[in-house]
Amino acid sequence: MTIDVGRLEDQLLHMSSDGAPGREFCDAISELARTGRFEQLRPVLPCIVYDELWARYQQDPAAFVSGWRMLAQEMRQGFVQHARQRLTSLTRLQHAGNGNTTPAWQAIQRALDGQQNDLLRAAFAMELLELVEPAVLRATHLRECVVASPSSEEADRYLDEATRCYFFGLFTACAVMCRSVLEEAIKQKLPAPLTRLIRTRYRNAATLGNLLHEVNNNMNLTGIDGDFPRVANLVNDTGKKAVHQGLLSEDEARLCLQGARQALQLLLRN
């Protein structure tokens, strides 16, 4: 069965445009404001949206009217695109001192969403559809991580999250989670005397680097494969770069994830 993601995107855009209010809605707001009938919007809009629009109108009635007329023309671009811009504004810092005000389309988004949030739903769907093909390609670079002995539910969840971060392009987060999965797996593998020593020495706050140092100095006691520290240290180095030096590339994230999986296989050989 062939899945055409591009066709799905086209179908989604078509569904989202069906019945979506546009120029008429914006023109109506502009006309009511121009003719002094702003109060008629109160029963139509959510209270918080009405209050925001009323405050903007009071600041500059003429600019408010012309702004909504312009927005009516911009509706040709589609409401989904506006919703995607709204998503972007939610993911980034907005500087209050730069003199910019919230775009008018954000106000209308909140007004039109109401309790259904259909525009945001469509925007998220488009975002996720665009992730499909890159995620498929990245998945082809991996194979199942088969180990001889289990670790813990927490380690499985960390590995799951690290892998999904890689699939969906969150490369820096992927490397950070790779460190977490190795930390958890090592803690589950250490013998009780060494665990107690590490807890005391590092006051229950041992990092992956601390754990690898102790493993390397106690290889006979742990029974861990001798190649494990080398591979795990490469993962730790990439994870530290992700935390302290900046965003990672896709290749760096992939190598880090592959290294973490190899390290787990070495750690859980018996």
C-alpha atoms as a PDB file:
ATOM      1  CA  MET A   1       0.000   0.000   0.000  1.00  0.00           C
ATOM      2  CA  THR A   2       1.437   3.364  -1.065  1.00  0.00           C
ATOM      3  CA  ILE A   3       0.767   6.370   1.151  1.00  0.00           C
ATOM      4  CA  ASP A   4       1.013   9.680  -0.684  1.00  0.00           C
ATOM      5  CA  VAL A   5       1.799  12.234   2.018  1.00  0.00           C
ATOM      6  CA  GLY A   6       1.515  15.104  -0.447  1.00  0.00           C
ATOM      7  CA  ARG A   7      -1.998  14.005  -1.299  1.00  0.00           C
ATOM      8  CA  LEU A   8      -2.874  13.868   2.392  1.00  0.00           C
ATOM      9  CA  GLU A   9      -1.620  17.438   2.783  1.00  0.00           C
ATOM     10  CA  ASP A  10      -3.786  18.586  -0.139  1.00  0.00           C
ATOM     11  CA  GLN A  11      -6.820  16.837   1.326  1.00  0.00           C
ATOM     12  CA  LEU A  12      -6.188  18.404   4.723  1.00  0.00           C
ATOM     13  CA  LEU A  13      -5.950  21.883   3.221  1.00  0.00           C
ATOM     14  CA  HIS A  14      -9.179  21.287   1.351  1.00  0.00           C
ATOM     15  CA  MET A  15     -10.989  20.080   4.483  1.00  0.00           C
ATOM     16  CA  SER A  16      -9.683  22.963   6.574  1.00  0.00           C
ATOM     17  CA  SER A  17     -10.823  25.539   4.008  1.00  0.00           C
ATOM     18  CA  ASP A  18     -14.341  24.135   3.760  1.00  0.00           C
ATOM     19  CA  GLY A  19     -16.611  26.264   5.863  1.00  0.00           C
ATOM     20  CA  ALA A  20     -13.791  28.344   7.316  1.00  0.00           C
ATOM     21  CA  PRO A  21     -14.913  31.951   7.749  1.00  0.00           C
ATOM     22  CA  GLY A  22     -12.774  34.450   5.948  1.00  0.00           C
ATOM     23  CA  ARG A  23     -13.191  37.778   4.306  1.00  0.00           C
ATOM     24  CA  GLU A  24     -16.836  38.152   5.308  1.00  0.00           C
ATOM     25  CA  PHE A  25     -15.993  37.672   8.985  1.00  0.00           C
ATOM     26  CA  CYS A  26     -13.201  40.242   8.906  1.00  0.00           C
ATOM     27  CA  ASP A  27     -15.260  42.690   6.878  1.00  0.00           C
ATOM     28  CA  ALA A  28     -18.095  42.349   9.381  1.00  0.00           C
ATOM     29  CA  ILE A  29     -15.842  43.252  12.303  1.00  0.00           C
ATOM     30  CA  SER A  30     -14.434  46.193  10.378  1.00  0.00           C
ATOM     31  CA  GLU A  31     -17.889  47.473   9.402  1.00  0.00           C
ATOM     32  CA  LEU A  32     -19.356  47.129  12.902  1.00  0.00           C
ATOM     33  CA  ALA A  33     -16.403  49.046  14.316  1.00  0.00           C
ATOM     34  CA  ARG A  34     -16.623  51.738  11.628  1.00  0.00           C
ATOM     35  CA  THR A  35     -20.331  52.318  12.177  1.00  0.00           C
ATOM     36  CA  GLY A  36     -20.166  52.402  15.980  1.00  0.00           C
ATOM     37  CA  ARG A  37     -21.873  49.035  16.475  1.00  0.00           C
ATOM     38  CA  PHE A  38     -18.929  47.315  18.169  1.00  0.00           C
ATOM     39  CA  GLU A  39     -21.170  46.195  21.044  1.00  0.00           C
ATOM     40  CA  GLN A  40     -22.913  43.746  18.703  1.00  0.00           C
ATOM     41  CA  LEU A  41     -19.758  41.618  18.759  1.00  0.00           C
ATOM     42  CA  ARG A  42     -20.097  40.895  22.494  1.00  0.00           C
ATOM     43  CA  PRO A  43     -22.535  37.953  22.245  1.00  0.00           C
ATOM     44  CA  VAL A  44     -20.642  36.519  19.274  1.00  0.00           C
ATOM     45  CA  LEU A  45     -17.074  36.409  20.608  1.00  0.00           C
ATOM     46  CA  PRO A  46     -15.546  34.814  23.718  1.00  0.00           C
ATOM     47  CA  CYS A  47     -15.239  37.402  26.480  1.00  0.00           C
ATOM     48  CA  ILE A  48     -11.431  37.471  26.461  1.00  0.00           C
ATOM     49  CA  VAL A  49     -11.340  38.011  22.692  1.00  0.00           C
ATOM     50  CA  TYR A  50     -14.010  40.726  22.816  1.00  0.00           C
ATOM     51  CA  ASP A  51     -12.079  42.542  25.547  1.00  0.00           C
ATOM     52  CA  GLU A  52      -8.844  42.380  23.528  1.00  0.00           C
ATOM     53  CA  LEU A  53     -10.504  43.703  20.385  1.00  0.00           C
ATOM     54  CA  TRP A  54     -12.304  46.453  22.284  1.00  0.00           C
ATOM     55  CA  ALA A  55      -9.032  47.578  23.863  1.00  0.00           C
ATOM     56  CA  ARG A  56      -7.372  47.718  20.435  1.00  0.00           C
ATOM     57  CA  TYR A  57     -10.285  49.639  18.980  1.00  0.00           C
ATOM     58  CA  GLN A  58     -10.143  52.221  21.740  1.00  0.00           C
ATOM     59  CA  GLN A  59      -6.424  52.768  21.202  1.00  0.00           C
ATOM     60  CA  ASP A  60      -6.855  53.714  17.530  1.00  0.00           C
ATOM     61  CA  PRO A  61     -10.311  53.252  15.941  1.00  0.00           C
ATOM     62  CA  ALA A  62      -9.186  54.201  12.446  1.00  0.00           C
ATOM     63  CA  ALA A  63      -6.227  51.824  12.489  1.00  0.00           C
ATOM     64  CA  PHE A  64      -8.455  49.067  13.871  1.00  0.00           C
ATOM     65  CA  VAL A  65     -10.960  49.430  11.036  1.00  0.00           C
ATOM     66  CA  SER A  66      -8.312  49.571   8.312  1.00  0.00           C
ATOM     67  CA  GLY A  67      -6.416  46.684   9.885  1.00  0.00           C
ATOM     68  CA  TRP A  68      -9.409  44.362   9.748  1.00  0.00           C
ATOM     69  CA  ARG A  69     -10.141  45.412   6.173  1.00  0.00           C
ATOM     70  CA  MET A  70      -6.575  44.483   5.246  1.00  0.00           C
ATOM     71  CA  LEU A  71      -6.901  41.207   7.131  1.00  0.00           C
ATOM     72  CA  ALA A  72      -9.973  40.396   5.044  1.00  0.00           C
ATOM     73  CA  GLN A  73      -7.789  40.608   1.934  1.00  0.00           C
ATOM     74  CA  GLU A  74      -5.088  38.470   3.528  1.00  0.00           C
ATOM     75  CA  MET A  75      -7.573  35.665   4.104  1.00  0.00           C
ATOM     76  CA  ARG A  76      -6.799  34.543   0.569  1.00  0.00           C
ATOM     77  CA  GLN A  77      -3.623  33.036   2.016  1.00  0.00           C
ATOM     78  CA  GLY A  78      -5.699  30.667   4.098  1.00  0.00           C
ATOM     79  CA  PHE A  79      -6.448  30.337   7.772  1.00  0.00           C
ATOM     80  CA  VAL A  80      -4.211  27.310   8.218  1.00  0.00           C
ATOM     81  CA  GLN A  81      -1.136  29.363   7.363  1.00  0.00           C
ATOM     82  CA  HIS A  82      -2.149  31.898   9.983  1.00  0.00           C
ATOM     83  CA  ALA A  83      -2.645  29.101  12.491  1.00  0.00           C
ATOM     84  CA  ARG A  84       0.847  27.784  11.762  1.00  0.00           C
ATOM     85  CA  GLN A  85       2.284  31.224  12.375  1.00  0.00           C
ATOM     86  CA  ARG A  86       0.412  31.231  15.652  1.00  0.00           C
ATOM     87  CA  LEU A  87       2.069  27.937  16.598  1.00  0.00           C
ATOM     88  CA  THR A  88       5.468  29.435  15.850  1.00  0.00           C
ATOM     89  CA  SER A  89       4.731  32.416  18.075  1.00  0.00           C
ATOM     90  CA  LEU A  90       3.918  30.019  20.921  1.00  0.00           C
ATOM     91  CA  THR A  91       7.303  28.279  20.635  1.00  0.00           C
ATOM     92  CA  ARG A  92       9.515  31.365  20.721  1.00  0.00           C
ATOM     93  CA  LEU A  93      10.199  34.247  23.059  1.00  0.00           C
ATOM     94  CA  GLN A  94       8.244  37.384  22.237  1.00  0.00           C
ATOM     95  CA  HIS A  95      10.112  40.563  23.127  1.00  0.00           C
ATOM     96  CA  ALA A  96       7.783  43.038  24.824  1.00  0.00           C
ATOM     97  CA  GLY A  97      10.119  45.969  24.278  1.00  0.00           C
ATOM     98  CA  ASN A  98      10.406  45.843  20.513  1.00  0.00           C
ATOM     99  CA  GLY A  99       7.226  47.817  19.946  1.00  0.00           C
ATOM    100  CA  ASN A 100       5.475  45.003  18.120  1.00  0.00           C
ATOM    101  CA  THR A 101       1.872  44.233  18.996  1.00  0.00           C
ATOM    102  CA  THR A 102       0.144  40.908  18.653  1.00  0.00           C
ATOM    103  CA  PRO A 103      -0.834  40.495  14.980  1.00  0.00           C
ATOM    104  CA  ALA A 104      -4.510  40.846  14.216  1.00  0.00           C
ATOM    105  CA  TRP A 105      -4.676  37.314  12.829  1.00  0.00           C
ATOM    106  CA  GLN A 106      -3.855  35.953  16.303  1.00  0.00           C
ATOM    107  CA  ALA A 107      -6.898  37.695  17.701  1.00  0.00           C
ATOM    108  CA  ILE A 108      -9.132  36.294  14.998  1.00  0.00           C
ATOM    109  CA  GLN A 109      -7.622  32.830  15.488  1.00  0.00           C
ATOM    110  CA  ARG A 110      -8.726  32.832  19.112  1.00  0.00           C
ATOM    111  CA  ALA A 111     -12.117  34.156  18.101  1.00  0.00           C
ATOM    112  CA  LEU A 112     -12.685  31.555  15.424  1.00  0.00           C
ATOM    113  CA  ASP A 113     -11.317  28.609  17.381  1.00  0.00           C
ATOM    114  CA  GLY A 114     -13.863  29.016  20.155  1.00  0.00           C
ATOM    115  CA  GLN A 115     -14.124  25.716  21.981  1.00  0.00           C
ATOM    116  CA  GLN A 116     -13.371  23.566  18.912  1.00  0.00           C
ATOM    117  CA  ASN A 117      -9.798  24.637  18.104  1.00  0.00           C
ATOM    118  CA  ASP A 118     -10.231  23.407  14.538  1.00  0.00           C
ATOM    119  CA  LEU A 119      -7.678  25.825  13.103  1.00  0.00           C
ATOM    120  CA  LEU A 120      -4.997  24.787  15.576  1.00  0.00           C
ATOM    121  CA  ARG A 121      -5.887  21.162  14.937  1.00  0.00           C
ATOM    122  CA  ALA A 122      -5.337  21.664  11.207  1.00  0.00           C
ATOM    123  CA  ALA A 123      -2.075  23.512  11.829  1.00  0.00           C
ATOM    124  CA  PHE A 124      -0.728  20.692  14.001  1.00  0.00           C
ATOM    125  CA  ALA A 125      -1.824  18.127  11.416  1.00  0.00           C
ATOM    126  CA  MET A 126       0.114  19.963   8.689  1.00  0.00           C
ATOM    127  CA  GLU A 127       3.188  20.205  10.918  1.00  0.00           C
ATOM    128  CA  LEU A 128       3.095  16.480  11.641  1.00  0.00           C
ATOM    129  CA  LEU A 129       2.501  15.483   8.021  1.00  0.00           C
ATOM    130  CA  GLU A 130       5.630  17.371   7.005  1.00  0.00           C
ATOM    131  CA  LEU A 131       7.615  15.314   9.521  1.00  0.00           C
ATOM    132  CA  VAL A 132       6.590  11.970   8.054  1.00  0.00           C
ATOM    133  CA  GLU A 133       8.988  11.598   5.121  1.00  0.00           C
ATOM    134  CA  PRO A 134      12.108  12.838   6.984  1.00  0.00           C
ATOM    135  CA  ALA A 135      11.209  10.569   9.910  1.00  0.00           C
ATOM    136  CA  VAL A 136      10.857   7.574   7.590  1.00  0.00           C
ATOM    137  CA  LEU A 137      14.306   8.244   6.112  1.00  0.00           C
ATOM    138  CA  ARG A 138      15.889   8.576   9.553  1.00  0.00           C
ATOM    139  CA  ALA A 139      14.267   5.353  10.713  1.00  0.00           C
ATOM    140  CA  THR A 140      16.010   3.485   7.889  1.00  0.00           C
ATOM    141  CA  HIS A 141      19.349   4.279   9.566  1.00  0.00           C
ATOM    142  CA  LEU A 142      18.439   2.304  12.687  1.00  0.00           C
ATOM    143  CA  ARG A 143      17.950  -1.326  13.568  1.00  0.00           C
ATOM    144  CA  GLU A 144      16.327  -2.888  16.612  1.00  0.00           C
ATOM    145  CA  CYS A 145      18.410  -2.661  19.776  1.00  0.00           C
ATOM    146  CA  VAL A 146      18.565  -6.306  20.907  1.00  0.00           C
ATOM    147  CA  VAL A 147      20.056  -6.986  24.357  1.00  0.00           C
ATOM    148  CA  ALA A 148      20.627 -10.150  26.359  1.00  0.00           C
ATOM    149  CA  SER A 149      19.176  -8.849  29.627  1.00  0.00           C
ATOM    150  CA  PRO A 150      16.558  -6.171  30.418  1.00  0.00           C
ATOM    151  CA  SER A 151      17.317  -2.892  32.158  1.00  0.00           C
ATOM    152  CA  SER A 152      14.285  -0.991  33.508  1.00  0.00           C
ATOM    153  CA  GLU A 153      11.037   0.594  32.416  1.00  0.00           C
ATOM    154  CA  GLU A 154      12.636   4.025  32.869  1.00  0.00           C
ATOM    155  CA  ALA A 155      15.518   3.127  30.545  1.00  0.00           C
ATOM    156  CA  ASP A 156      13.050   1.909  27.913  1.00  0.00           C
ATOM    157  CA  ARG A 157      11.117   5.177  28.122  1.00  0.00           C
ATOM    158  CA  TYR A 158      14.305   7.252  27.844  1.00  0.00           C
ATOM    159  CA  LEU A 159      15.398   5.286  24.779  1.00  0.00           C
ATOM    160  CA  ASP A 160      11.935   5.628  23.262  1.00  0.00           C
ATOM    161  CA  GLU A 161      12.012   9.392  23.749  1.00  0.00           C
ATOM    162  CA  ALA A 162      15.570   9.736  22.435  1.00  0.00           C
ATOM    163  CA  THR A 163      14.669   7.776  19.308  1.00  0.00           C
ATOM    164  CA  ARG A 164      11.476   9.710  18.645  1.00  0.00           C
ATOM    165  CA  CYS A 165      13.343  12.996  19.102  1.00  0.00           C
ATOM    166  CA  TYR A 166      15.722  11.846  16.379  1.00  0.00           C
ATOM    167  CA  PHE A 167      12.858  10.804  14.092  1.00  0.00           C
ATOM    168  CA  PHE A 168      11.123  14.166  14.437  1.00  0.00           C
ATOM    169  CA  GLY A 169      14.187  16.374  14.076  1.00  0.00           C
ATOM    170  CA  LEU A 170      14.773  17.296  17.735  1.00  0.00           C
ATOM    171  CA  PHE A 171      18.456  16.503  17.480  1.00  0.00           C
ATOM    172  CA  THR A 172      19.762  18.294  20.558  1.00  0.00           C
ATOM    173  CA  ALA A 173      17.043  16.787  22.729  1.00  0.00           C
ATOM    174  CA  CYS A 174      17.902  13.369  21.294  1.00  0.00           C
ATOM    175  CA  ALA A 175      21.492  13.606  22.548  1.00  0.00           C
ATOM    176  CA  VAL A 176      20.381  14.775  25.981  1.00  0.00           C
ATOM    177  CA  MET A 177      18.032  11.792  26.277  1.00  0.00           C
ATOM    178  CA  CYS A 178      20.796   9.431  25.143  1.00  0.00           C
ATOM    179  CA  ARG A 179      22.767  10.466  28.211  1.00  0.00           C
ATOM    180  CA  SER A 180      19.736   9.841  30.374  1.00  0.00           C
ATOM    181  CA  VAL A 181      19.182   6.321  29.093  1.00  0.00           C
ATOM    182  CA  LEU A 182      22.796   5.350  29.756  1.00  0.00           C
ATOM    183  CA  GLU A 183      22.701   6.880  33.238  1.00  0.00           C
ATOM    184  CA  GLU A 184      19.611   4.853  34.093  1.00  0.00           C
ATOM    185  CA  ALA A 185      20.931   1.622  32.571  1.00  0.00           C
ATOM    186  CA  ILE A 186      24.268   1.897  34.404  1.00  0.00           C
ATOM    187  CA  LYS A 187      22.571   2.483  37.737  1.00  0.00           C
ATOM    188  CA  GLN A 188      20.524  -0.674  37.248  1.00  0.00           C
ATOM    189  CA  LYS A 189      23.640  -2.683  36.359  1.00  0.00           C
ATOM    190  CA  LEU A 190      25.971  -1.691  39.210  1.00  0.00           C
ATOM    191  CA  PRO A 191      26.507  -4.061  42.136  1.00  0.00           C
ATOM    192  CA  ALA A 192      25.082  -2.896  45.468  1.00  0.00           C
ATOM    193  CA  PRO A 193      28.429  -2.011  47.156  1.00  0.00           C
ATOM    194  CA  LEU A 194      29.445   0.245  44.251  1.00  0.00           C
ATOM    195  CA  THR A 195      25.987   1.813  44.152  1.00  0.00           C
ATOM    196  CA  ARG A 196      26.253   2.755  47.822  1.00  0.00           C
ATOM    197  CA  LEU A 197      29.749   4.165  47.281  1.00  0.00           C
ATOM    198  CA  ILE A 198      28.612   6.315  44.349  1.00  0.00           C
ATOM    199  CA  ARG A 199      25.579   7.606  46.230  1.00  0.00           C
ATOM    200  CA  THR A 200      27.784   8.711  49.102  1.00  0.00           C
ATOM    201  CA  ARG A 201      30.591  10.097  46.982  1.00  0.00           C
ATOM    202  CA  TYR A 202      28.359  12.139  44.693  1.00  0.00           C
ATOM    203  CA  ARG A 203      25.536  12.856  47.160  1.00  0.00           C
ATOM    204  CA  ASN A 204      22.936  11.097  45.016  1.00  0.00           C
ATOM    205  CA  ALA A 205      23.729  13.399  42.075  1.00  0.00           C
ATOM    206  CA  ALA A 206      26.166  11.393  39.963  1.00  0.00           C
ATOM    207  CA  THR A 207      26.304  12.420  36.307  1.00  0.00           C
ATOM    208  CA  LEU A 208      26.920  10.056  33.427  1.00  0.00           C
ATOM    209  CA  GLY A 209      30.557  11.173  33.474  1.00  0.00           C
ATOM    210  CA  ASN A 210      30.815  10.299  37.175  1.00  0.00           C
ATOM    211  CA  LEU A 211      29.252   6.887  36.604  1.00  0.00           C
ATOM    212  CA  LEU A 212      31.569   6.100  33.701  1.00  0.00           C
ATOM    213  CA  HIS A 213      34.565   7.104  35.795  1.00  0.00           C
ATOM    214  CA  GLU A 214      33.542   4.690  38.544  1.00  0.00           C
ATOM    215  CA  VAL A 215      32.776   1.906  36.068  1.00  0.00           C
ATOM    216  CA  ASN A 216      36.161   2.333  34.414  1.00  0.00           C
ATOM    217  CA  ASN A 217      37.913   2.127  37.804  1.00  0.00           C
ATOM    218  CA  ASN A 218      35.949  -0.946  38.908  1.00  0.00           C
ATOM    219  CA  MET A 219      35.650  -3.081  35.786  1.00  0.00           C
ATOM    220  CA  ASN A 220      36.334  -6.339  37.622  1.00  0.00           C
ATOM    221  CA  LEU A 221      33.707  -5.564  40.247  1.00  0.00           C
ATOM    222  CA  THR A 222      31.030  -4.575  37.748  1.00  0.00           C
ATOM    223  CA  GLY A 223      31.608  -7.332  35.206  1.00  0.00           C
ATOM    224  CA  ILE A 224      30.769  -4.858  32.427  1.00  0.00           C
ATOM    225  CA  ASP A 225      32.217  -5.359  28.935  1.00  0.00           C
ATOM    226  CA  GLY A 226      35.564  -3.595  28.558  1.00  0.00           C
ATOM    227  CA  ASP A 227      34.479  -1.758  25.396  1.00  0.00           C
ATOM    228  CA  PHE A 228      31.513  -0.136  27.119  1.00  0.00           C
ATOM    229  CA  PRO A 229      33.274   2.911  28.683  1.00  0.00           C
ATOM    230  CA  ARG A 230      34.816   3.951  25.357  1.00  0.00           C
ATOM    231  CA  VAL A 231      31.516   3.894  23.483  1.00  0.00           C
ATOM    232  CA  ALA A 232      29.549   5.431  26.349  1.00  0.00           C
ATOM    233  CA  ASN A 233      32.073   8.265  26.737  1.00  0.00           C
ATOM    234  CA  LEU A 234      31.504   9.275  23.115  1.00  0.00           C
ATOM    235  CA  VAL A 235      27.775   9.503  23.842  1.00  0.00           C
ATOM    236  CA  ASN A 236      28.489  11.518  26.970  1.00  0.00           C
ATOM    237  CA  ASP A 237      30.723  13.932  25.061  1.00  0.00           C
ATOM    238  CA  THR A 238      28.029  14.576  22.458  1.00  0.00           C
ATOM    239  CA  GLY A 239      25.417  14.993  25.177  1.00  0.00           C
ATOM    240  CA  LYS A 240      27.577  17.537  26.981  1.00  0.00           C
ATOM    241  CA  LYS A 241      28.043  19.435  23.733  1.00  0.00           C
ATOM    242  CA  ALA A 242      24.266  19.500  23.308  1.00  0.00           C
ATOM    243  CA  VAL A 243      23.806  20.945  26.797  1.00  0.00           C
ATOM    244  CA  HIS A 244      26.667  23.416  26.903  1.00  0.00           C
ATOM    245  CA  GLN A 245      27.814  24.312  23.391  1.00  0.00           C
ATOM    246  CA  GLY A 246      24.783  24.618  21.146  1.00  0.00           C
ATOM    247  CA  LEU A 247      22.399  22.851  18.819  1.00  0.00           C
ATOM    248  CA  LEU A 248      23.428  19.586  17.189  1.00  0.00           C
ATOM    249  CA  SER A 249      23.246  18.539  13.561  1.00  0.00           C
ATOM    250  CA  GLU A 250      21.296  15.549  12.304  1.00  0.00           C
ATOM    251  CA  ASP A 251      24.488  13.550  11.765  1.00  0.00           C
ATOM    252  CA  GLU A 252      25.667  14.246  15.315  1.00  0.00           C
ATOM    253  CA  ALA A 253      22.338  13.153  16.743  1.00  0.00           C
ATOM    254  CA  ARG A 254      22.283   9.981  14.657  1.00  0.00           C
ATOM    255  CA  LEU A 255      25.810   8.989  15.698  1.00  0.00           C
ATOM    256  CA  CYS A 256      24.973   9.727  19.322  1.00  0.00           C
ATOM    257  CA  LEU A 257      21.825   7.592  19.207  1.00  0.00           C
ATOM    258  CA  GLN A 258      23.606   4.751  17.434  1.00  0.00           C
ATOM    259  CA  GLY A 259      26.372   4.979  20.029  1.00  0.00           C
ATOM    260  CA  ALA A 260      23.890   4.846  22.882  1.00  0.00           C
ATOM    261  CA  ARG A 261      22.290   1.733  21.407  1.00  0.00           C
ATOM    262  CA  GLN A 262      25.667   0.074  20.954  1.00  0.00           C
ATOM    263  CA  ALA A 263      26.603   0.967  24.535  1.00  0.00           C
ATOM    264  CA  LEU A 264      23.373  -0.569  25.816  1.00  0.00           C
ATOM    265  CA  GLN A 265      24.078  -3.778  23.946  1.00  0.00           C
ATOM    266  CA  LEU A 266      27.541  -3.942  25.523  1.00  0.00           C
ATOM    267  CA  LEU A 267      26.202  -3.101  28.969  1.00  0.00           C
ATOM    268  CA  LEU A 268      23.369  -5.625  28.859  1.00  0.00           C
ATOM    269  CA  ARG A 269      25.220  -8.576  27.385  1.00  0.00           C
ATOM    270  CA  ASN A 270      24.590 -10.667  30.477  1.00  0.00           C
END
